[in-house]
Amino acid sequence: MKFSVRLPMYLCAVTFLGCFIVPAIFGGIVRSGPLPTREQAIGDLTQETPLERAAFEEDAAFFKPIRKPDSGDWLAEQDEVGQIVEEYRLALSALKPSPEQKALYILPLGQFRSGVAPSLAKLREFSAAFFGMDTRLLGAVPLEKVPAKRRIFGTSRKLQLCTTDILQWLPGKKSRDAYSIIAVTMEDLYPDEAWNFVYGEATLHGGAGVFSFARYDPAFYGEKSNDQTSALILLRSCKVLAHETGHMFGLMHCVFFECLMNGSNHLKESDSQPIHLCPVCLRKLQLGAGFDLLKREEALLKFYEANGIKEEAAWSRRRIEKMRAAK
């Protein structure tokens, strides 16, 4: 069985593989009736610990309901009904890392020039904090050794690599202890000749993905860099890394809150979205990855403070205060 979803040419394409998939869970295409309320999406919290209830409850001080989309935004063009916690729980046995799958791997393709590309060491640190799992950085593979078709695209005259070929090659690079392997590159990507480009593509249960940071650099569009460019590229890169790895844990696009897992049709929309998860998606990811909620937030705060991500640091600081008070 193969169930696939191709997203617009300017967004990531995600392909879901595996006979375990229940359509009602992944994409909500079977569930009928009105959209669940945010409370229904979060689910019953009465059996959770006080700290878990504090982390997962709907709290207007931390989480905003998803806004009405503007013309051209993701939800203005895509009909998504969301994925509630209890639907995710039904597929958990197929999504949760096994005891042997202890690590996430990042594989760079091509060059990541200092001062231009996001720091790979910082991406590794962020991934480890966000997912509460050991994240390991592999040695870079030169572009000439990547077995993928390539082309020079249109008027941009920029090199593009074919994601389909990379995804066929990546599983052979996985270690036995890998839950997933993500190839990252500063080269532009495309899935087939009919598409202009994609930011990336991933398999769900196959645990492999490839993502490009090229279009997160203002220089790609001919804009000049300034003293904020490096921080902007790092923030955008952390967002796409976490969003796409979230898909690999089985999280679908969020339609309940302003959330990292919201779909995005364009860079302006993506920039407007937070880097944190809403209570629905946080609860799902905690079920999948099994991290300690408080330690995870403390690790994220440390990362945000060290890298000048001030708004998110302030948010994490308040979250930590709330969870500690609930213990």
Protein backbone atom coordinates (compact mmCIF):
# COMPACT_ATOMS: atom_id res chain seq x y z
CA MET A 1 0.00 0.00 0.00
CA LYS A 2 1.27 3.47 -0.79
CA PHE A 3 -0.42 6.67 0.31
CA SER A 4 1.22 9.82 -0.94
CA VAL A 5 0.71 13.53 -0.65
CA ARG A 6 2.42 15.97 -2.97
CA LEU A 7 2.45 19.53 -1.74
CA PRO A 8 2.74 22.65 -3.95
CA MET A 9 5.95 23.21 -5.85
CA TYR A 10 7.03 25.99 -3.52
CA LEU A 11 6.64 23.90 -0.37
CA CYS A 12 8.13 20.68 0.95
CA ALA A 13 6.83 17.50 -0.58
CA VAL A 14 6.18 14.70 1.88
CA THR A 15 5.64 11.11 0.81
CA PHE A 16 4.12 8.71 3.29
CA LEU A 17 5.04 5.06 2.86
CA GLY A 18 3.87 1.95 4.70
CA CYS A 19 0.83 -0.27 5.00
CA PHE A 20 0.34 0.69 8.65
CA ILE A 21 -1.10 4.07 7.67
CA VAL A 22 -4.73 4.73 8.52
CA PRO A 23 -6.06 7.53 6.28
CA ALA A 24 -8.26 8.89 9.07
CA ILE A 25 -5.11 9.44 11.11
CA PHE A 26 -2.82 10.78 8.44
CA GLY A 27 -4.60 13.66 6.79
CA GLY A 28 -8.06 13.16 8.27
CA ILE A 29 -9.53 12.12 4.91
CA VAL A 30 -11.93 9.58 6.44
CA ARG A 31 -13.17 11.47 9.49
CA SER A 32 -16.41 13.30 8.74
CA GLY A 33 -18.30 16.04 10.50
CA PRO A 34 -17.12 19.42 11.80
CA LEU A 35 -13.53 20.15 12.72
CA PRO A 36 -12.80 19.01 16.30
CA THR A 37 -12.51 21.74 18.89
CA ARG A 38 -9.08 22.56 20.25
CA GLU A 39 -10.06 20.85 23.53
CA GLN A 40 -11.06 17.69 21.63
CA ALA A 41 -7.82 17.80 19.66
CA ILE A 42 -5.75 17.91 22.84
CA GLY A 43 -7.77 15.11 24.42
CA ASP A 44 -8.49 14.08 27.99
CA LEU A 45 -5.83 15.24 30.46
CA THR A 46 -7.35 13.91 33.68
CA GLN A 47 -4.96 10.94 33.86
CA GLU A 48 -1.83 13.03 33.22
CA THR A 49 0.55 14.32 35.89
CA PRO A 50 0.19 17.93 37.09
CA LEU A 51 3.27 18.89 35.05
CA GLU A 52 1.86 17.23 31.93
CA ARG A 53 -1.49 18.94 32.38
CA ALA A 54 0.33 22.28 32.68
CA ALA A 55 2.26 21.56 29.47
CA PHE A 56 -0.66 20.30 27.39
CA GLU A 57 -3.60 22.45 28.47
CA GLU A 58 -4.97 25.21 26.27
CA ASP A 59 -3.54 28.41 27.73
CA ALA A 60 -4.09 31.73 25.99
CA ALA A 61 -0.95 33.10 27.63
CA PHE A 62 1.11 30.77 25.42
CA PHE A 63 -0.96 29.56 22.48
CA LYS A 64 -3.00 31.47 19.92
CA PRO A 65 -5.83 29.85 17.96
CA ILE A 66 -4.90 29.49 14.32
CA ARG A 67 -5.70 32.66 12.43
CA LYS A 68 -7.94 32.92 9.41
CA PRO A 69 -5.69 32.47 6.36
CA ASP A 70 -5.04 35.28 3.93
CA SER A 71 -5.32 34.76 0.19
CA GLY A 72 -2.43 32.59 -0.96
CA ASP A 73 -1.79 31.11 2.48
CA TRP A 74 -1.65 27.37 3.02
CA LEU A 75 -5.15 26.84 4.44
CA ALA A 76 -6.65 29.17 1.85
CA GLU A 77 -5.64 26.64 -0.79
CA GLN A 78 -5.51 23.30 1.07
CA ASP A 79 -8.41 21.46 2.68
CA GLU A 80 -6.98 19.93 5.86
CA VAL A 81 -9.01 18.67 8.81
CA GLY A 82 -6.14 18.07 11.19
CA GLN A 83 -4.94 15.21 13.33
CA ILE A 84 -6.04 14.95 16.97
CA VAL A 85 -4.02 13.29 19.72
CA GLU A 86 -6.22 10.20 19.94
CA GLU A 87 -5.89 9.58 16.20
CA TYR A 88 -2.12 9.83 16.52
CA ARG A 89 -2.16 7.44 19.47
CA LEU A 90 -3.78 4.73 17.31
CA ALA A 91 -0.71 4.63 15.07
CA LEU A 92 1.84 5.07 17.84
CA SER A 93 3.20 1.53 17.77
CA ALA A 94 4.33 2.05 14.18
CA LEU A 95 5.73 5.55 14.78
CA LYS A 96 7.53 5.32 18.13
CA PRO A 97 11.28 4.68 17.92
CA SER A 98 12.21 1.13 18.90
CA PRO A 99 14.67 0.59 21.78
CA GLU A 100 17.40 0.15 19.17
CA GLN A 101 16.59 3.43 17.39
CA LYS A 102 18.39 5.85 19.66
CA ALA A 103 19.53 8.63 17.36
CA LEU A 104 18.64 11.13 14.67
CA TYR A 105 21.27 11.66 11.98
CA ILE A 106 22.03 14.75 9.89
CA LEU A 107 23.97 14.20 6.66
CA PRO A 108 25.31 17.33 4.90
CA LEU A 109 25.47 17.25 1.11
CA GLY A 110 27.97 19.60 -0.46
CA GLN A 111 29.52 22.65 1.15
CA PHE A 112 28.20 24.64 4.12
CA ARG A 113 30.33 27.78 3.99
CA SER A 114 30.86 29.53 7.31
CA GLY A 115 29.06 32.86 7.51
CA VAL A 116 26.71 31.95 4.66
CA ALA A 117 25.13 28.60 5.57
CA PRO A 118 23.53 27.77 8.93
CA SER A 119 25.92 26.22 11.42
CA LEU A 120 25.63 22.44 11.24
CA ALA A 121 26.78 22.14 14.85
CA LYS A 122 23.98 24.47 15.95
CA LEU A 123 21.41 22.54 13.89
CA ARG A 124 22.55 19.34 15.60
CA GLU A 125 22.27 21.00 19.02
CA PHE A 126 18.79 22.33 18.25
CA SER A 127 17.53 18.97 16.97
CA ALA A 128 18.80 17.22 20.10
CA ALA A 129 17.00 19.75 22.31
CA PHE A 130 13.77 19.84 20.30
CA PHE A 131 13.27 16.07 20.04
CA GLY A 132 15.03 15.03 23.23
CA MET A 133 17.04 12.49 21.27
CA ASP A 134 20.73 12.10 20.55
CA THR A 135 21.38 13.84 17.23
CA ARG A 136 24.56 13.02 15.33
CA LEU A 137 26.22 14.95 12.55
CA LEU A 138 27.76 12.84 9.80
CA GLY A 139 30.64 13.85 7.58
CA ALA A 140 29.66 15.86 4.51
CA VAL A 141 29.27 14.03 1.21
CA PRO A 142 30.71 15.97 -1.76
CA LEU A 143 28.12 16.78 -4.39
CA GLU A 144 29.95 14.72 -7.03
CA LYS A 145 29.41 11.63 -4.87
CA VAL A 146 25.65 12.17 -4.44
CA PRO A 147 23.91 9.80 -6.92
CA ALA A 148 21.19 12.19 -8.02
CA LYS A 149 20.12 13.74 -11.29
CA ARG A 150 20.74 17.44 -11.46
CA ARG A 151 19.79 20.36 -13.63
CA ILE A 152 20.35 24.09 -13.99
CA PHE A 153 16.98 25.71 -13.40
CA GLY A 154 15.42 28.44 -15.50
CA THR A 155 16.42 32.04 -15.26
CA SER A 156 18.01 31.57 -11.83
CA ARG A 157 20.72 29.44 -13.45
CA LYS A 158 21.16 27.66 -10.12
CA LEU A 159 22.01 23.99 -9.65
CA GLN A 160 19.19 21.73 -8.48
CA LEU A 161 19.40 18.14 -7.17
CA CYS A 162 16.62 15.56 -7.63
CA THR A 163 15.07 14.56 -4.31
CA THR A 164 13.62 11.31 -5.66
CA ASP A 165 17.10 9.94 -6.35
CA ILE A 166 18.44 11.11 -2.99
CA LEU A 167 15.60 9.39 -1.11
CA GLN A 168 16.37 6.12 -2.86
CA TRP A 169 20.03 6.41 -1.83
CA LEU A 170 19.63 7.60 1.78
CA PRO A 171 18.30 4.40 3.45
CA GLY A 172 21.61 2.71 2.64
CA LYS A 173 23.36 5.40 4.71
CA LYS A 174 21.31 4.69 7.85
CA SER A 175 22.95 3.10 10.88
CA ARG A 176 21.14 0.43 12.84
CA ASP A 177 20.60 2.84 15.72
CA ALA A 178 19.05 5.53 13.49
CA TYR A 179 15.41 6.51 13.81
CA SER A 180 15.84 8.86 10.88
CA ILE A 181 18.46 10.33 8.61
CA ILE A 182 18.05 13.79 7.14
CA ALA A 183 20.24 15.05 4.34
CA VAL A 184 20.65 18.82 4.32
CA THR A 185 22.11 20.94 1.56
CA MET A 186 22.61 24.49 0.41
CA GLU A 187 21.72 23.43 -3.14
CA ASP A 188 18.23 23.89 -4.54
CA LEU A 189 16.02 20.79 -4.97
CA TYR A 190 13.36 19.44 -7.33
CA PRO A 191 11.34 16.16 -7.24
CA ASP A 192 10.78 15.71 -10.98
CA GLU A 193 10.89 17.67 -14.22
CA ALA A 194 7.31 18.94 -13.85
CA TRP A 195 8.15 20.88 -10.67
CA ASN A 196 10.00 24.16 -10.30
CA PHE A 197 11.46 23.29 -6.90
CA VAL A 198 10.75 21.92 -3.44
CA TYR A 199 12.20 22.86 -0.07
CA GLY A 200 12.46 19.16 0.68
CA GLU A 201 10.93 15.71 0.62
CA ALA A 202 10.74 12.91 3.19
CA THR A 203 9.43 9.42 3.74
CA LEU A 204 7.36 8.90 6.88
CA HIS A 205 8.04 5.35 8.01
CA GLY A 206 11.17 5.08 5.87
CA GLY A 207 12.91 7.55 8.17
CA ALA A 208 14.71 9.43 5.40
CA GLY A 209 14.46 12.98 4.15
CA VAL A 210 16.33 15.66 2.27
CA PHE A 211 15.91 19.41 2.76
CA SER A 212 17.44 22.49 1.23
CA PHE A 213 18.25 25.69 3.09
CA ALA A 214 19.10 27.55 -0.14
CA ARG A 215 15.87 29.56 -0.34
CA TYR A 216 16.08 30.57 3.32
CA ASP A 217 19.07 32.77 2.51
CA PRO A 218 18.02 36.28 1.34
CA ALA A 219 20.99 36.19 -1.07
CA PHE A 220 19.16 33.52 -3.08
CA TYR A 221 16.75 36.27 -4.15
CA GLY A 222 19.48 38.83 -4.76
CA GLU A 223 19.03 40.61 -1.44
CA LYS A 224 22.02 41.99 0.46
CA SER A 225 23.11 40.47 3.76
CA ASN A 226 23.20 42.50 6.98
CA ASP A 227 24.10 41.88 10.62
CA GLN A 228 20.79 40.01 11.13
CA THR A 229 21.14 37.62 8.18
CA SER A 230 22.99 34.81 9.97
CA ALA A 231 20.47 34.75 12.81
CA LEU A 232 17.57 34.77 10.33
CA ILE A 233 19.01 31.86 8.33
CA LEU A 234 19.62 29.86 11.52
CA LEU A 235 16.06 30.45 12.77
CA ARG A 236 14.51 29.51 9.41
CA SER A 237 16.72 26.43 9.14
CA CYS A 238 15.84 25.27 12.66
CA LYS A 239 12.17 25.69 11.82
CA VAL A 240 12.28 23.58 8.66
CA LEU A 241 14.46 20.93 10.31
CA ALA A 242 12.02 20.55 13.23
CA HIS A 243 8.90 20.75 11.03
CA GLU A 244 10.08 18.08 8.62
CA THR A 245 11.46 15.80 11.32
CA GLY A 246 8.07 16.22 13.01
CA HIS A 247 6.47 14.78 9.88
CA MET A 248 8.84 11.81 10.15
CA PHE A 249 7.46 11.21 13.66
CA GLY A 250 3.99 11.11 12.08
CA LEU A 251 2.78 14.62 12.93
CA MET A 252 0.50 16.08 10.28
CA HIS A 253 -0.07 19.78 9.67
CA CYS A 254 -1.70 21.58 12.59
CA VAL A 255 -5.03 23.34 12.01
CA PHE A 256 -5.86 24.17 15.63
CA PHE A 257 -3.26 26.67 16.90
CA GLU A 258 -0.48 28.91 15.62
CA CYS A 259 2.21 26.22 15.63
CA LEU A 260 5.48 25.07 14.11
CA MET A 261 3.51 22.30 12.39
CA ASN A 262 1.24 24.70 10.46
CA GLY A 263 1.43 24.29 6.71
CA SER A 264 3.04 27.12 4.79
CA ASN A 265 2.70 28.23 1.20
CA HIS A 266 5.42 30.88 1.15
CA LEU A 267 8.33 32.28 3.11
CA LYS A 268 6.40 35.20 4.60
CA GLU A 269 3.83 32.78 6.03
CA SER A 270 6.56 30.52 7.40
CA ASP A 271 8.35 33.46 9.02
CA SER A 272 5.12 34.47 10.80
CA GLN A 273 4.76 31.05 12.46
CA PRO A 274 6.33 30.19 15.83
CA ILE A 275 9.17 27.74 16.31
CA HIS A 276 7.35 26.09 19.24
CA LEU A 277 4.69 23.39 19.15
CA CYS A 278 1.09 23.93 20.22
CA PRO A 279 -0.32 21.67 23.00
CA VAL A 280 -1.84 19.25 20.46
CA CYS A 281 1.40 18.70 18.56
CA LEU A 282 3.56 18.78 21.69
CA ARG A 283 1.48 16.03 23.25
CA LYS A 284 1.74 13.93 20.07
CA LEU A 285 5.49 14.39 19.78
CA GLN A 286 5.98 13.57 23.46
CA LEU A 287 4.07 10.32 22.91
CA GLY A 288 6.30 9.54 19.93
CA ALA A 289 9.71 10.65 21.17
CA GLY A 290 9.16 10.08 24.89
CA PHE A 291 11.17 13.07 26.14
CA ASP A 292 11.04 14.71 29.57
CA LEU A 293 8.93 17.84 29.04
CA LEU A 294 10.75 20.06 31.51
CA LYS A 295 14.27 19.00 30.50
CA ARG A 296 13.34 19.53 26.84
CA GLU A 297 12.17 23.10 27.47
CA GLU A 298 15.27 23.85 29.55
CA ALA A 299 17.50 22.62 26.72
CA LEU A 300 15.60 24.74 24.20
CA LEU A 301 15.90 27.82 26.43
CA LYS A 302 19.65 27.29 26.65
CA PHE A 303 19.86 27.11 22.85
CA TYR A 304 17.71 30.19 22.28
CA GLU A 305 19.66 32.27 24.80
CA ALA A 306 23.02 31.20 23.34
CA ASN A 307 21.93 32.15 19.82
CA GLY A 308 20.10 35.40 20.43
CA ILE A 309 16.62 34.06 19.68
CA LYS A 310 15.15 36.42 22.24
CA GLU A 311 11.39 36.15 21.65
CA GLU A 312 11.39 32.36 21.84
CA ALA A 313 13.75 32.41 24.84
CA ALA A 314 11.28 34.58 26.75
CA TRP A 315 8.45 32.20 25.78
CA SER A 316 10.41 29.13 26.95
CA ARG A 317 11.36 30.85 30.19
CA ARG A 318 7.71 31.42 31.05
CA ARG A 319 6.82 27.84 30.08
CA ILE A 320 9.49 26.50 32.41
CA GLU A 321 8.16 28.63 35.25
CA LYS A 322 4.66 27.25 34.71
CA MET A 323 5.79 23.61 34.57
CA ARG A 324 8.01 23.94 37.65
CA ALA A 325 5.15 25.51 39.58
CA ALA A 326 2.90 22.59 38.64
CA LYS A 327 5.28 19.88 39.92
